[in-house]
Structures are given as C-alpha cells and as structure tokens.
Amino acid sequence: MKLYQKFPDTQVLTTKGPIDFYKDVFSKGKWLFLFAHPADFTPVCTTEFVGFAQVYDEFKKLGVEMIGMSVDSIYSHLQWLQDIENRYGVTIPFPLIADPDKKLARMLDIIDEASGVTIRAVFLVNPEGVIRFMAYYPIEYGRKIEEMLRITKAAIVNYKAKVSLPADWEPGKEVILPTATTIDEARMRAKLPNAKAWYIVMKKYEELPPEQRIQ
C-alpha cells in the first residue's frame, strides 16, 4: 500500500469479534489507527501494547478506532493479552487482528518474508478510507507512542481545517494556510501580518472555528 491510496475493503477476525473496516469504522465517520507488531509474547511488542493501552482513551476521544494486528492466531492473542493483564495490570481495550494466513498483511505489504512476521507498521486512515499516514519500524525497537498521538491530531486538524502543520506542531500552535497559486494571491499573501514569506502564511490556532480544532 502507498500513501493516499484506499485502504483494503475487507473483513478481519479480532479479539473482539469480526470487523469490517468500511462498515464498522469508516461508515461511522471514524478514523482508523492500525498498527502491526511482529509477534505475540515478544518484549518490545509487550511494552508497546502497554503504551498504546494507556493512550487508548485519547484516541477514542478523537474519533479514532485503534486496532492492532499480527500473523499470530486468535488463541495466541487471547493468551498473550491475558498475560499482559496478569503481569502489568493493564487490560488491552482495543481489538487485535489475527492474520495467520497473512492475507491482510500481504494486502498491506507489511510481511517480512524472511522471518514470516509482520513488520512494525502503522497506518492512519481517514473516514473516506484514504491512507493519510504510514510508518515502518524495524523489529528490534519500538514506536514513540506520543508521536503516534501527535501525528494523529495533526492529520485530523489538516482534514477538518484544510491547513498544513509545521515541524513539531502540537494543538494550540500556529498552523499554515494553503500556499498561493497565482501571482496576485502571492503578492497579497506577502503583505499579511502573519506572513513569513508569500508561500508561508501562518494562522493562530485559536482563530480556527471550534469544530476544526482539537485539544
């Protein structure tokens, strides 16, 4: 899969029952945050699951459906999730896809054929089913959970307000207006108080309509 492509229209088996991405997620106006891990009962993946569980409510408030996946069986998933709860006192609140036949993993092109496991991948998909963010991490080290949440917030503000977000952007910081496309517009933009240049015009976050802002 590539950025801006449509996410596969398929149904999967999860630890919370079958899920059809388009019927159960996108048709309800939700975003999808799908993250793949290499294998159950592995140390890095376990720390990630604890971390994702801790921010699950924040994703939920944003209207984002968080779902994990790997090529392990549903029975392996169930045992591992119980083990995490017993050892760390953390209940995993999000569904975990079982993909032992590697069907979805191959659709997404996230199989490491040499080891037979899924790579540490992330897909953020908007309510139209369009992939808006992708990331791949090596098997040996984990994702920064705070950055996953930050990029999700940035994608949602971009989607709602049609603005761009500068480096290190967080909710509350200035956003960037769409770039001028005509010479007259460029000259006008260059004179605006918040213009750094004709092609960089900032806008205060609080000036966005309330429905286009998030916390």
N, C-alpha and C. Protein backbone atom coordinates (compact mmCIF):
# COMPACT_ATOMS: atom_id res chain seq x y z
N MET A 1 0.83 -1.20 0.00
CA MET A 1 0.00 0.00 0.00
C MET A 1 0.87 1.25 0.00
N LYS A 2 0.30 2.35 -0.54
CA LYS A 2 1.01 3.61 -0.58
C LYS A 2 0.16 4.71 0.06
N LEU A 3 0.84 5.77 0.45
CA LEU A 3 0.15 6.93 1.00
C LEU A 3 -0.85 7.47 -0.02
N TYR A 4 -2.02 7.85 0.47
CA TYR A 4 -3.13 8.40 -0.32
C TYR A 4 -3.94 7.34 -1.07
N GLN A 5 -3.55 6.08 -0.98
CA GLN A 5 -4.36 5.02 -1.56
C GLN A 5 -5.53 4.66 -0.64
N LYS A 6 -6.52 3.98 -1.22
CA LYS A 6 -7.65 3.50 -0.43
C LYS A 6 -7.23 2.26 0.35
N PHE A 7 -7.68 2.19 1.59
CA PHE A 7 -7.39 1.05 2.44
C PHE A 7 -8.19 -0.16 1.94
N PRO A 8 -7.66 -1.38 2.07
CA PRO A 8 -8.39 -2.56 1.58
C PRO A 8 -9.79 -2.70 2.17
N ASP A 9 -10.73 -3.05 1.34
CA ASP A 9 -12.12 -3.27 1.77
C ASP A 9 -12.25 -4.75 2.11
N THR A 10 -12.07 -5.06 3.38
CA THR A 10 -12.08 -6.46 3.80
C THR A 10 -12.57 -6.60 5.23
N GLN A 11 -12.89 -7.83 5.61
CA GLN A 11 -13.32 -8.13 6.98
C GLN A 11 -12.24 -8.95 7.65
N VAL A 12 -12.03 -8.71 8.95
CA VAL A 12 -10.98 -9.42 9.68
C VAL A 12 -11.54 -9.99 10.97
N LEU A 13 -10.85 -11.00 11.50
CA LEU A 13 -11.20 -11.60 12.79
C LEU A 13 -10.33 -10.97 13.86
N THR A 14 -10.95 -10.50 14.94
CA THR A 14 -10.20 -9.86 16.02
C THR A 14 -10.59 -10.45 17.37
N THR A 15 -9.86 -10.04 18.38
CA THR A 15 -10.15 -10.49 19.75
C THR A 15 -11.47 -9.93 20.28
N LYS A 16 -12.08 -9.04 19.55
CA LYS A 16 -13.40 -8.52 19.92
C LYS A 16 -14.45 -8.85 18.86
N GLY A 17 -14.18 -9.89 18.07
CA GLY A 17 -15.11 -10.32 17.05
C GLY A 17 -14.73 -9.81 15.67
N PRO A 18 -15.50 -10.18 14.64
CA PRO A 18 -15.19 -9.75 13.27
C PRO A 18 -15.38 -8.24 13.10
N ILE A 19 -14.52 -7.65 12.28
CA ILE A 19 -14.61 -6.22 11.97
C ILE A 19 -14.52 -6.04 10.47
N ASP A 20 -15.46 -5.28 9.92
CA ASP A 20 -15.43 -4.86 8.53
C ASP A 20 -15.02 -3.39 8.54
N PHE A 21 -13.86 -3.07 7.99
CA PHE A 21 -13.32 -1.72 8.10
C PHE A 21 -14.28 -0.65 7.58
N TYR A 22 -14.91 -0.90 6.44
CA TYR A 22 -15.76 0.14 5.84
C TYR A 22 -17.13 0.23 6.52
N LYS A 23 -17.66 -0.88 6.97
CA LYS A 23 -18.97 -0.86 7.62
C LYS A 23 -18.88 -0.47 9.09
N ASP A 24 -17.84 -0.95 9.78
CA ASP A 24 -17.76 -0.77 11.22
C ASP A 24 -16.91 0.42 11.65
N VAL A 25 -16.12 0.96 10.74
CA VAL A 25 -15.24 2.07 11.10
C VAL A 25 -15.54 3.30 10.24
N PHE A 26 -15.23 3.22 8.96
CA PHE A 26 -15.32 4.41 8.10
C PHE A 26 -16.75 4.92 7.92
N SER A 27 -17.72 4.01 7.79
CA SER A 27 -19.11 4.45 7.58
C SER A 27 -19.66 5.19 8.80
N LYS A 28 -19.00 5.03 9.94
CA LYS A 28 -19.42 5.71 11.17
C LYS A 28 -18.66 7.02 11.39
N GLY A 29 -17.91 7.42 10.37
CA GLY A 29 -17.18 8.69 10.46
C GLY A 29 -15.92 8.61 11.30
N LYS A 30 -15.43 7.40 11.56
CA LYS A 30 -14.24 7.24 12.40
C LYS A 30 -12.97 7.13 11.55
N TRP A 31 -11.87 7.50 12.19
CA TRP A 31 -10.55 7.25 11.63
C TRP A 31 -10.09 5.87 12.08
N LEU A 32 -9.16 5.28 11.34
CA LEU A 32 -8.55 4.01 11.72
C LEU A 32 -7.08 4.22 12.01
N PHE A 33 -6.66 3.77 13.20
CA PHE A 33 -5.24 3.73 13.54
C PHE A 33 -4.89 2.25 13.68
N LEU A 34 -4.29 1.71 12.65
CA LEU A 34 -3.94 0.28 12.63
C LEU A 34 -2.43 0.14 12.80
N PHE A 35 -2.03 -0.63 13.80
CA PHE A 35 -0.60 -0.85 13.99
C PHE A 35 -0.32 -2.35 14.05
N ALA A 36 0.70 -2.74 13.31
CA ALA A 36 1.10 -4.14 13.27
C ALA A 36 2.32 -4.36 14.16
N HIS A 37 2.36 -5.52 14.81
CA HIS A 37 3.53 -5.90 15.60
C HIS A 37 4.03 -7.25 15.09
N PRO A 38 5.32 -7.54 15.25
CA PRO A 38 5.87 -8.78 14.68
C PRO A 38 5.28 -10.06 15.25
N ALA A 39 5.16 -10.15 16.58
CA ALA A 39 4.70 -11.41 17.15
C ALA A 39 4.26 -11.24 18.60
N ASP A 40 3.36 -12.09 19.04
CA ASP A 40 2.93 -12.12 20.43
C ASP A 40 4.08 -12.63 21.32
N PHE A 41 3.97 -12.35 22.60
CA PHE A 41 4.94 -12.83 23.59
C PHE A 41 6.38 -12.41 23.25
N THR A 42 6.52 -11.18 22.75
CA THR A 42 7.84 -10.63 22.49
C THR A 42 8.00 -9.35 23.33
N PRO A 43 9.21 -9.03 23.76
CA PRO A 43 9.39 -7.94 24.73
C PRO A 43 9.03 -6.55 24.22
N VAL A 44 9.51 -6.19 23.01
CA VAL A 44 9.22 -4.85 22.50
C VAL A 44 7.72 -4.67 22.28
N CYS A 45 7.09 -5.66 21.68
CA CYS A 45 5.65 -5.59 21.40
C CYS A 45 4.84 -5.46 22.69
N THR A 46 5.28 -6.14 23.73
CA THR A 46 4.57 -6.07 25.00
C THR A 46 4.62 -4.66 25.57
N THR A 47 5.81 -4.02 25.51
CA THR A 47 5.90 -2.64 26.02
C THR A 47 5.04 -1.70 25.19
N GLU A 48 4.96 -1.94 23.89
CA GLU A 48 4.13 -1.09 23.03
C GLU A 48 2.65 -1.24 23.37
N PHE A 49 2.22 -2.47 23.58
CA PHE A 49 0.81 -2.68 23.89
C PHE A 49 0.42 -1.99 25.19
N VAL A 50 1.30 -2.04 26.17
CA VAL A 50 1.03 -1.33 27.42
C VAL A 50 0.93 0.17 27.14
N GLY A 51 1.85 0.69 26.32
CA GLY A 51 1.83 2.12 25.99
C GLY A 51 0.61 2.53 25.20
N PHE A 52 0.22 1.75 24.21
CA PHE A 52 -0.97 2.08 23.43
C PHE A 52 -2.24 2.00 24.27
N ALA A 53 -2.29 1.06 25.20
CA ALA A 53 -3.45 0.95 26.09
C ALA A 53 -3.60 2.20 26.94
N GLN A 54 -2.48 2.80 27.31
CA GLN A 54 -2.52 3.98 28.17
C GLN A 54 -3.04 5.22 27.45
N VAL A 55 -2.93 5.26 26.13
CA VAL A 55 -3.43 6.43 25.39
C VAL A 55 -4.70 6.09 24.60
N TYR A 56 -5.23 4.93 24.79
CA TYR A 56 -6.41 4.49 24.03
C TYR A 56 -7.57 5.47 24.17
N ASP A 57 -7.83 5.94 25.39
CA ASP A 57 -8.96 6.86 25.61
C ASP A 57 -8.77 8.17 24.85
N GLU A 58 -7.51 8.63 24.72
CA GLU A 58 -7.25 9.86 23.98
C GLU A 58 -7.56 9.67 22.49
N PHE A 59 -7.18 8.52 21.94
CA PHE A 59 -7.52 8.23 20.55
C PHE A 59 -9.04 8.14 20.38
N LYS A 60 -9.69 7.51 21.32
CA LYS A 60 -11.14 7.34 21.24
C LYS A 60 -11.86 8.69 21.23
N LYS A 61 -11.40 9.63 22.05
CA LYS A 61 -12.00 10.97 22.11
C LYS A 61 -11.85 11.70 20.77
N LEU A 62 -10.81 11.34 20.02
CA LEU A 62 -10.58 11.97 18.72
C LEU A 62 -11.41 11.33 17.61
N GLY A 63 -12.16 10.28 17.95
CA GLY A 63 -12.95 9.58 16.94
C GLY A 63 -12.11 8.61 16.14
N VAL A 64 -11.08 8.05 16.79
CA VAL A 64 -10.16 7.14 16.13
C VAL A 64 -10.33 5.73 16.68
N GLU A 65 -10.47 4.76 15.77
CA GLU A 65 -10.56 3.35 16.15
C GLU A 65 -9.16 2.75 16.11
N MET A 66 -8.63 2.42 17.28
CA MET A 66 -7.30 1.82 17.36
C MET A 66 -7.42 0.30 17.26
N ILE A 67 -6.63 -0.30 16.36
CA ILE A 67 -6.66 -1.74 16.16
C ILE A 67 -5.23 -2.24 15.95
N GLY A 68 -4.86 -3.32 16.64
CA GLY A 68 -3.56 -3.94 16.45
C GLY A 68 -3.68 -5.15 15.55
N MET A 69 -2.56 -5.68 15.08
CA MET A 69 -2.60 -6.88 14.25
C MET A 69 -1.24 -7.57 14.21
N SER A 70 -1.25 -8.88 13.98
CA SER A 70 -0.06 -9.65 13.66
C SER A 70 -0.50 -10.93 12.99
N VAL A 71 0.46 -11.76 12.62
CA VAL A 71 0.13 -13.02 11.94
C VAL A 71 -0.14 -14.16 12.92
N ASP A 72 -0.16 -13.86 14.21
CA ASP A 72 -0.45 -14.89 15.21
C ASP A 72 -1.93 -15.27 15.17
N SER A 73 -2.25 -16.43 15.76
CA SER A 73 -3.63 -16.91 15.80
C SER A 73 -4.44 -16.18 16.86
N ILE A 74 -5.73 -16.30 16.79
CA ILE A 74 -6.61 -15.67 17.77
C ILE A 74 -6.35 -16.25 19.16
N TYR A 75 -5.99 -17.53 19.22
CA TYR A 75 -5.74 -18.18 20.52
C TYR A 75 -4.46 -17.66 21.15
N SER A 76 -3.44 -17.43 20.32
CA SER A 76 -2.20 -16.83 20.82
C SER A 76 -2.46 -15.42 21.34
N HIS A 77 -3.24 -14.65 20.58
CA HIS A 77 -3.60 -13.30 21.01
C HIS A 77 -4.28 -13.30 22.38
N LEU A 78 -5.26 -14.16 22.54
CA LEU A 78 -6.03 -14.19 23.78
C LEU A 78 -5.14 -14.52 24.97
N GLN A 79 -4.24 -15.49 24.79
CA GLN A 79 -3.35 -15.87 25.87
C GLN A 79 -2.36 -14.75 26.20
N TRP A 80 -1.84 -14.10 25.17
CA TRP A 80 -0.88 -13.01 25.38
C TRP A 80 -1.53 -11.82 26.09
N LEU A 81 -2.73 -11.46 25.67
CA LEU A 81 -3.41 -10.33 26.30
C LEU A 81 -3.70 -10.60 27.77
N GLN A 82 -4.05 -11.84 28.07
CA GLN A 82 -4.26 -12.22 29.47
C GLN A 82 -2.94 -12.16 30.25
N ASP A 83 -1.86 -12.54 29.61
CA ASP A 83 -0.55 -12.49 30.24
C ASP A 83 -0.15 -11.05 30.55
N ILE A 84 -0.41 -10.13 29.61
CA ILE A 84 -0.12 -8.71 29.84
C ILE A 84 -0.92 -8.19 31.03
N GLU A 85 -2.19 -8.58 31.09
CA GLU A 85 -3.04 -8.13 32.20
C GLU A 85 -2.53 -8.67 33.53
N ASN A 86 -2.13 -9.93 33.54
CA ASN A 86 -1.65 -10.54 34.79
C ASN A 86 -0.32 -9.95 35.25
N ARG A 87 0.57 -9.67 34.31
CA ARG A 87 1.91 -9.21 34.66
C ARG A 87 2.00 -7.70 34.88
N TYR A 88 1.21 -6.93 34.12
CA TYR A 88 1.32 -5.48 34.18
C TYR A 88 0.08 -4.80 34.76
N GLY A 89 -0.99 -5.55 34.97
CA GLY A 89 -2.22 -4.95 35.47
C GLY A 89 -2.88 -4.05 34.46
N VAL A 90 -2.60 -4.28 33.16
CA VAL A 90 -3.15 -3.45 32.09
C VAL A 90 -4.06 -4.30 31.21
N THR A 91 -5.32 -3.88 31.10
CA THR A 91 -6.26 -4.54 30.20
C THR A 91 -6.18 -3.87 28.83
N ILE A 92 -5.96 -4.66 27.80
CA ILE A 92 -5.86 -4.11 26.44
C ILE A 92 -7.28 -3.84 25.93
N PRO A 93 -7.64 -2.56 25.71
CA PRO A 93 -9.02 -2.22 25.35
C PRO A 93 -9.35 -2.28 23.87
N PHE A 94 -8.35 -2.36 23.02
CA PHE A 94 -8.59 -2.31 21.58
C PHE A 94 -8.55 -3.71 20.97
N PRO A 95 -9.19 -3.89 19.81
CA PRO A 95 -9.19 -5.20 19.14
C PRO A 95 -7.80 -5.53 18.60
N LEU A 96 -7.52 -6.82 18.50
CA LEU A 96 -6.27 -7.30 17.94
C LEU A 96 -6.58 -8.30 16.84
N ILE A 97 -6.18 -7.97 15.61
CA ILE A 97 -6.48 -8.81 14.44
C ILE A 97 -5.59 -10.04 14.41
N ALA A 98 -6.21 -11.19 14.19
CA ALA A 98 -5.47 -12.43 13.95
C ALA A 98 -5.38 -12.64 12.43
N ASP A 99 -4.17 -12.74 11.92
CA ASP A 99 -3.96 -12.85 10.47
C ASP A 99 -2.98 -13.98 10.15
N PRO A 100 -3.26 -15.21 10.65
CA PRO A 100 -2.30 -16.32 10.47
C PRO A 100 -2.08 -16.71 9.01
N ASP A 101 -3.06 -16.45 8.14
CA ASP A 101 -2.85 -16.78 6.73
C ASP A 101 -2.17 -15.63 5.97
N LYS A 102 -1.87 -14.55 6.70
CA LYS A 102 -1.13 -13.39 6.17
C LYS A 102 -1.89 -12.65 5.05
N LYS A 103 -3.19 -12.84 4.99
CA LYS A 103 -3.99 -12.21 3.93
C LYS A 103 -3.94 -10.68 4.00
N LEU A 104 -4.29 -10.12 5.17
CA LEU A 104 -4.28 -8.67 5.31
C LEU A 104 -2.85 -8.14 5.25
N ALA A 105 -1.92 -8.84 5.88
CA ALA A 105 -0.53 -8.39 5.89
C ALA A 105 0.02 -8.26 4.47
N ARG A 106 -0.35 -9.19 3.61
CA ARG A 106 0.13 -9.12 2.23
C ARG A 106 -0.60 -8.03 1.44
N MET A 107 -1.88 -7.80 1.76
CA MET A 107 -2.59 -6.68 1.13
C MET A 107 -1.88 -5.36 1.45
N LEU A 108 -1.41 -5.25 2.69
CA LEU A 108 -0.76 -4.02 3.14
C LEU A 108 0.73 -4.00 2.83
N ASP A 109 1.25 -5.13 2.37
CA ASP A 109 2.67 -5.26 2.05
C ASP A 109 3.54 -5.00 3.27
N ILE A 110 3.22 -5.69 4.37
CA ILE A 110 3.98 -5.49 5.61
C ILE A 110 4.52 -6.81 6.15
N ILE A 111 4.72 -7.78 5.28
CA ILE A 111 5.29 -9.06 5.69
C ILE A 111 6.81 -9.06 5.43
N ASP A 112 7.55 -9.45 6.44
CA ASP A 112 8.97 -9.74 6.25
C ASP A 112 9.04 -11.22 5.89
N GLU A 113 9.17 -11.49 4.61
CA GLU A 113 9.09 -12.87 4.14
C GLU A 113 10.19 -13.76 4.72
N ALA A 114 11.33 -13.18 5.07
CA ALA A 114 12.43 -13.97 5.61
C ALA A 114 12.07 -14.58 6.97
N SER A 115 11.41 -13.78 7.80
CA SER A 115 11.05 -14.26 9.14
C SER A 115 9.61 -14.73 9.22
N GLY A 116 8.80 -14.33 8.24
CA GLY A 116 7.39 -14.72 8.23
C GLY A 116 6.51 -13.93 9.17
N VAL A 117 7.01 -12.80 9.70
CA VAL A 117 6.22 -11.99 10.62
C VAL A 117 5.94 -10.62 10.03
N THR A 118 4.97 -9.93 10.61
CA THR A 118 4.66 -8.57 10.19
C THR A 118 5.72 -7.60 10.71
N ILE A 119 6.05 -6.62 9.89
CA ILE A 119 6.95 -5.58 10.37
C ILE A 119 6.17 -4.64 11.27
N ARG A 120 6.89 -3.80 11.98
CA ARG A 120 6.24 -2.87 12.92
C ARG A 120 5.72 -1.67 12.13
N ALA A 121 4.51 -1.79 11.58
CA ALA A 121 3.95 -0.78 10.69
C ALA A 121 2.78 -0.04 11.32
N VAL A 122 2.53 1.17 10.83
CA VAL A 122 1.40 2.00 11.29
C VAL A 122 0.67 2.54 10.06
N PHE A 123 -0.66 2.48 10.09
CA PHE A 123 -1.50 3.09 9.05
C PHE A 123 -2.55 3.95 9.73
N LEU A 124 -2.60 5.24 9.35
CA LEU A 124 -3.65 6.13 9.82
C LEU A 124 -4.54 6.43 8.62
N VAL A 125 -5.82 6.10 8.74
CA VAL A 125 -6.75 6.15 7.60
C VAL A 125 -7.93 7.05 7.95
N ASN A 126 -8.28 7.96 7.04
CA ASN A 126 -9.38 8.89 7.32
C ASN A 126 -10.75 8.24 7.07
N PRO A 127 -11.85 8.93 7.43
CA PRO A 127 -13.18 8.32 7.30
C PRO A 127 -13.59 7.98 5.88
N GLU A 128 -12.87 8.47 4.88
CA GLU A 128 -13.14 8.08 3.49
C GLU A 128 -12.37 6.82 3.11
N GLY A 129 -11.59 6.29 4.04
CA GLY A 129 -10.81 5.09 3.76
C GLY A 129 -9.49 5.38 3.06
N VAL A 130 -9.04 6.64 3.09
CA VAL A 130 -7.79 7.03 2.43
C VAL A 130 -6.65 7.03 3.44
N ILE A 131 -5.55 6.39 3.09
CA ILE A 131 -4.39 6.34 3.98
C ILE A 131 -3.72 7.71 4.03
N ARG A 132 -3.63 8.28 5.24
CA ARG A 132 -3.08 9.62 5.41
C ARG A 132 -1.73 9.64 6.11
N PHE A 133 -1.33 8.50 6.67
CA PHE A 133 -0.02 8.41 7.31
C PHE A 133 0.41 6.95 7.34
N MET A 134 1.70 6.71 7.06
CA MET A 134 2.27 5.37 7.14
C MET A 134 3.64 5.48 7.79
N ALA A 135 4.00 4.47 8.56
CA ALA A 135 5.34 4.44 9.15
C ALA A 135 5.76 2.99 9.33
N TYR A 136 7.04 2.74 9.15
CA TYR A 136 7.59 1.40 9.34
C TYR A 136 8.77 1.48 10.32
N TYR A 137 8.78 0.54 11.24
CA TYR A 137 9.85 0.48 12.22
C TYR A 137 10.48 -0.91 12.18
N PRO A 138 11.80 -1.00 12.42
CA PRO A 138 12.44 -2.32 12.49
C PRO A 138 11.86 -3.16 13.63
N ILE A 139 12.03 -4.45 13.52
CA ILE A 139 11.50 -5.37 14.53
C ILE A 139 12.11 -5.10 15.91
N GLU A 140 13.36 -4.63 15.94
CA GLU A 140 14.09 -4.60 17.20
C GLU A 140 13.77 -3.44 18.13
N TYR A 141 13.13 -2.35 17.62
CA TYR A 141 12.84 -1.27 18.55
C TYR A 141 11.47 -0.66 18.31
N GLY A 142 10.93 -0.10 19.41
CA GLY A 142 9.53 0.29 19.44
C GLY A 142 9.24 1.72 19.00
N ARG A 143 7.96 1.96 18.82
CA ARG A 143 7.48 3.27 18.39
C ARG A 143 7.38 4.24 19.57
N LYS A 144 7.47 5.53 19.27
CA LYS A 144 7.24 6.55 20.30
C LYS A 144 5.74 6.82 20.33
N ILE A 145 5.09 6.42 21.38
CA ILE A 145 3.63 6.49 21.46
C ILE A 145 3.13 7.94 21.36
N GLU A 146 3.83 8.86 22.01
CA GLU A 146 3.41 10.27 21.97
C GLU A 146 3.43 10.81 20.55
N GLU A 147 4.38 10.38 19.74
CA GLU A 147 4.44 10.84 18.36
C GLU A 147 3.29 10.27 17.54
N MET A 148 2.88 9.05 17.83
CA MET A 148 1.73 8.46 17.15
C MET A 148 0.47 9.28 17.43
N LEU A 149 0.33 9.74 18.66
CA LEU A 149 -0.82 10.56 19.03
C LEU A 149 -0.73 11.94 18.39
N ARG A 150 0.48 12.52 18.39
CA ARG A 150 0.66 13.85 17.80
C ARG A 150 0.34 13.85 16.31
N ILE A 151 0.85 12.85 15.58
CA ILE A 151 0.62 12.82 14.13
C ILE A 151 -0.85 12.57 13.83
N THR A 152 -1.54 11.86 14.69
CA THR A 152 -2.98 11.64 14.52
C THR A 152 -3.74 12.95 14.68
N LYS A 153 -3.38 13.73 15.69
CA LYS A 153 -4.02 15.03 15.89
C LYS A 153 -3.75 15.96 14.71
N ALA A 154 -2.52 15.94 14.21
CA ALA A 154 -2.18 16.78 13.06
C ALA A 154 -3.00 16.39 11.84
N ALA A 155 -3.15 15.09 11.60
CA ALA A 155 -3.92 14.62 10.44
C ALA A 155 -5.38 15.05 10.54
N ILE A 156 -5.93 15.00 11.74
CA ILE A 156 -7.34 15.36 11.91
C ILE A 156 -7.55 16.85 11.72
N VAL A 157 -6.65 17.69 12.22
CA VAL A 157 -6.77 19.14 12.02
C VAL A 157 -6.61 19.47 10.54
N ASN A 158 -5.67 18.83 9.87
CA ASN A 158 -5.50 19.02 8.43
C ASN A 158 -6.77 18.65 7.69
N TYR A 159 -7.38 17.55 8.07
CA TYR A 159 -8.61 17.05 7.44
C TYR A 159 -9.78 18.01 7.65
N LYS A 160 -9.90 18.54 8.87
CA LYS A 160 -11.04 19.40 9.20
C LYS A 160 -10.86 20.84 8.70
N ALA A 161 -9.66 21.38 8.87
CA ALA A 161 -9.43 22.80 8.59
C ALA A 161 -8.75 23.07 7.26
N LYS A 162 -8.26 22.00 6.60
CA LYS A 162 -7.55 22.14 5.33
C LYS A 162 -6.36 23.08 5.44
N VAL A 163 -5.63 22.94 6.54
CA VAL A 163 -4.40 23.70 6.76
C VAL A 163 -3.24 22.72 6.88
N SER A 164 -2.03 23.24 6.75
CA SER A 164 -0.84 22.41 6.95
C SER A 164 -0.29 22.66 8.35
N LEU A 165 0.56 21.74 8.81
CA LEU A 165 1.08 21.84 10.16
C LEU A 165 2.61 21.87 10.11
N PRO A 166 3.24 22.85 10.77
CA PRO A 166 4.70 22.98 10.72
C PRO A 166 5.41 21.92 11.57
N ALA A 167 6.73 21.92 11.49
CA ALA A 167 7.53 20.99 12.28
C ALA A 167 7.23 21.15 13.76
N ASP A 168 7.17 20.01 14.46
CA ASP A 168 6.94 19.98 15.91
C ASP A 168 5.59 20.54 16.32
N TRP A 169 4.63 20.57 15.38
CA TRP A 169 3.32 21.13 15.70
C TRP A 169 2.61 20.32 16.77
N GLU A 170 1.94 21.04 17.66
CA GLU A 170 1.05 20.47 18.67
C GLU A 170 -0.22 21.32 18.68
N PRO A 171 -1.38 20.76 19.10
CA PRO A 171 -2.58 21.57 19.21
C PRO A 171 -2.34 22.83 20.04
N GLY A 172 -2.77 23.97 19.52
CA GLY A 172 -2.54 25.25 20.18
C GLY A 172 -1.51 26.09 19.45
N LYS A 173 -0.62 25.44 18.70
CA LYS A 173 0.40 26.17 17.95
C LYS A 173 -0.16 26.64 16.60
N GLU A 174 0.52 27.60 16.00
CA GLU A 174 0.09 28.16 14.72
C GLU A 174 0.04 27.08 13.64
N VAL A 175 -0.87 27.30 12.68
CA VAL A 175 -0.98 26.43 11.52
C VAL A 175 -0.59 27.24 10.28
N ILE A 176 -0.45 26.56 9.14
CA ILE A 176 -0.04 27.21 7.90
C ILE A 176 -1.19 27.19 6.90
N LEU A 177 -1.51 28.34 6.34
CA LEU A 177 -2.57 28.43 5.35
C LEU A 177 -2.10 27.84 4.02
N PRO A 178 -3.03 27.38 3.19
CA PRO A 178 -2.65 26.83 1.87
C PRO A 178 -1.82 27.84 1.09
N THR A 179 -0.85 27.36 0.33
CA THR A 179 0.05 28.23 -0.43
C THR A 179 -0.68 28.91 -1.59
N ALA A 180 -0.28 30.13 -1.88
CA ALA A 180 -0.85 30.87 -3.01
C ALA A 180 -0.58 30.14 -4.32
N THR A 181 -1.52 30.27 -5.25
CA THR A 181 -1.38 29.59 -6.54
C THR A 181 -1.38 30.55 -7.73
N THR A 182 -1.56 31.84 -7.47
CA THR A 182 -1.49 32.85 -8.53
C THR A 182 -0.56 33.97 -8.08
N ILE A 183 -0.03 34.74 -9.01
CA ILE A 183 0.89 35.83 -8.67
C ILE A 183 0.20 36.91 -7.85
N ASP A 184 -1.07 37.21 -8.17
CA ASP A 184 -1.80 38.23 -7.41
C ASP A 184 -2.02 37.78 -5.97
N GLU A 185 -2.36 36.51 -5.82
CA GLU A 185 -2.57 35.98 -4.47
C GLU A 185 -1.25 35.97 -3.70
N ALA A 186 -0.16 35.64 -4.37
CA ALA A 186 1.15 35.61 -3.72
C ALA A 186 1.53 37.02 -3.22
N ARG A 187 1.30 38.03 -4.03
CA ARG A 187 1.61 39.40 -3.62
C ARG A 187 0.76 39.83 -2.44
N MET A 188 -0.52 39.46 -2.48
CA MET A 188 -1.42 39.81 -1.38
C MET A 188 -1.01 39.10 -0.09
N ARG A 189 -0.67 37.79 -0.21
CA ARG A 189 -0.28 37.00 0.95
C ARG A 189 0.98 37.56 1.61
N ALA A 190 1.91 38.03 0.79
CA ALA A 190 3.18 38.54 1.32
C ALA A 190 3.00 39.75 2.23
N LYS A 191 1.88 40.45 2.08
CA LYS A 191 1.63 41.66 2.87
C LYS A 191 0.87 41.38 4.16
N LEU A 192 0.41 40.16 4.35
CA LEU A 192 -0.37 39.84 5.55
C LEU A 192 0.52 39.86 6.80
N PRO A 193 -0.05 40.26 7.95
CA PRO A 193 0.74 40.37 9.19
C PRO A 193 1.43 39.06 9.59
N ASN A 194 0.77 37.94 9.33
CA ASN A 194 1.33 36.65 9.76
C ASN A 194 2.17 35.97 8.67
N ALA A 195 2.52 36.72 7.61
CA ALA A 195 3.28 36.13 6.51
C ALA A 195 4.78 36.13 6.83
N LYS A 196 5.41 34.96 6.74
CA LYS A 196 6.86 34.85 6.83
C LYS A 196 7.45 35.08 5.44
N ALA A 197 6.69 34.71 4.44
CA ALA A 197 7.02 34.89 3.02
C ALA A 197 5.71 34.69 2.27
N TRP A 198 5.71 34.94 0.96
CA TRP A 198 4.45 34.78 0.23
C TRP A 198 3.94 33.34 0.29
N TYR A 199 4.86 32.40 0.47
CA TYR A 199 4.47 30.98 0.49
C TYR A 199 4.35 30.42 1.91
N ILE A 200 4.63 31.24 2.93
CA ILE A 200 4.46 30.80 4.33
C ILE A 200 3.61 31.82 5.07
N VAL A 201 2.33 31.53 5.20
CA VAL A 201 1.42 32.42 5.91
C VAL A 201 0.83 31.64 7.08
N MET A 202 1.10 32.11 8.29
CA MET A 202 0.66 31.42 9.48
C MET A 202 -0.72 31.91 9.93
N LYS A 203 -1.39 31.10 10.74
CA LYS A 203 -2.65 31.49 11.32
C LYS A 203 -2.70 30.96 12.74
N LYS A 204 -3.19 31.78 13.66
CA LYS A 204 -3.27 31.34 15.05
C LYS A 204 -4.27 30.20 15.18
N TYR A 205 -3.91 29.23 15.97
CA TYR A 205 -4.76 28.06 16.13
C TYR A 205 -6.14 28.42 16.66
N GLU A 206 -6.18 29.36 17.59
CA GLU A 206 -7.46 29.74 18.20
C GLU A 206 -8.37 30.49 17.22
N GLU A 207 -7.84 30.90 16.07
CA GLU A 207 -8.66 31.57 15.06
C GLU A 207 -9.40 30.57 14.17
N LEU A 208 -9.05 29.29 14.27
CA LEU A 208 -9.81 28.27 13.54
C LEU A 208 -11.17 28.10 14.20
N PRO A 209 -12.22 27.82 13.42
CA PRO A 209 -13.53 27.56 14.02
C PRO A 209 -13.44 26.41 15.04
N PRO A 210 -14.22 26.46 16.11
CA PRO A 210 -14.15 25.43 17.16
C PRO A 210 -14.26 24.00 16.63
N GLU A 211 -15.10 23.79 15.61
CA GLU A 211 -15.31 22.45 15.09
C GLU A 211 -14.09 21.92 14.32
N GLN A 212 -13.14 22.82 14.02
CA GLN A 212 -11.93 22.41 13.31
C GLN A 212 -10.74 22.22 14.23
N ARG A 213 -10.94 22.48 15.52
CA ARG A 213 -9.86 22.36 16.48
C ARG A 213 -10.04 21.11 17.34
N ILE A 214 -8.93 20.64 17.87
CA ILE A 214 -8.95 19.54 18.84
C ILE A 214 -8.07 19.93 20.00
N GLN A 215 -8.17 19.21 21.10
CA GLN A 215 -7.37 19.51 22.28
C GLN A 215 -5.99 18.88 22.16
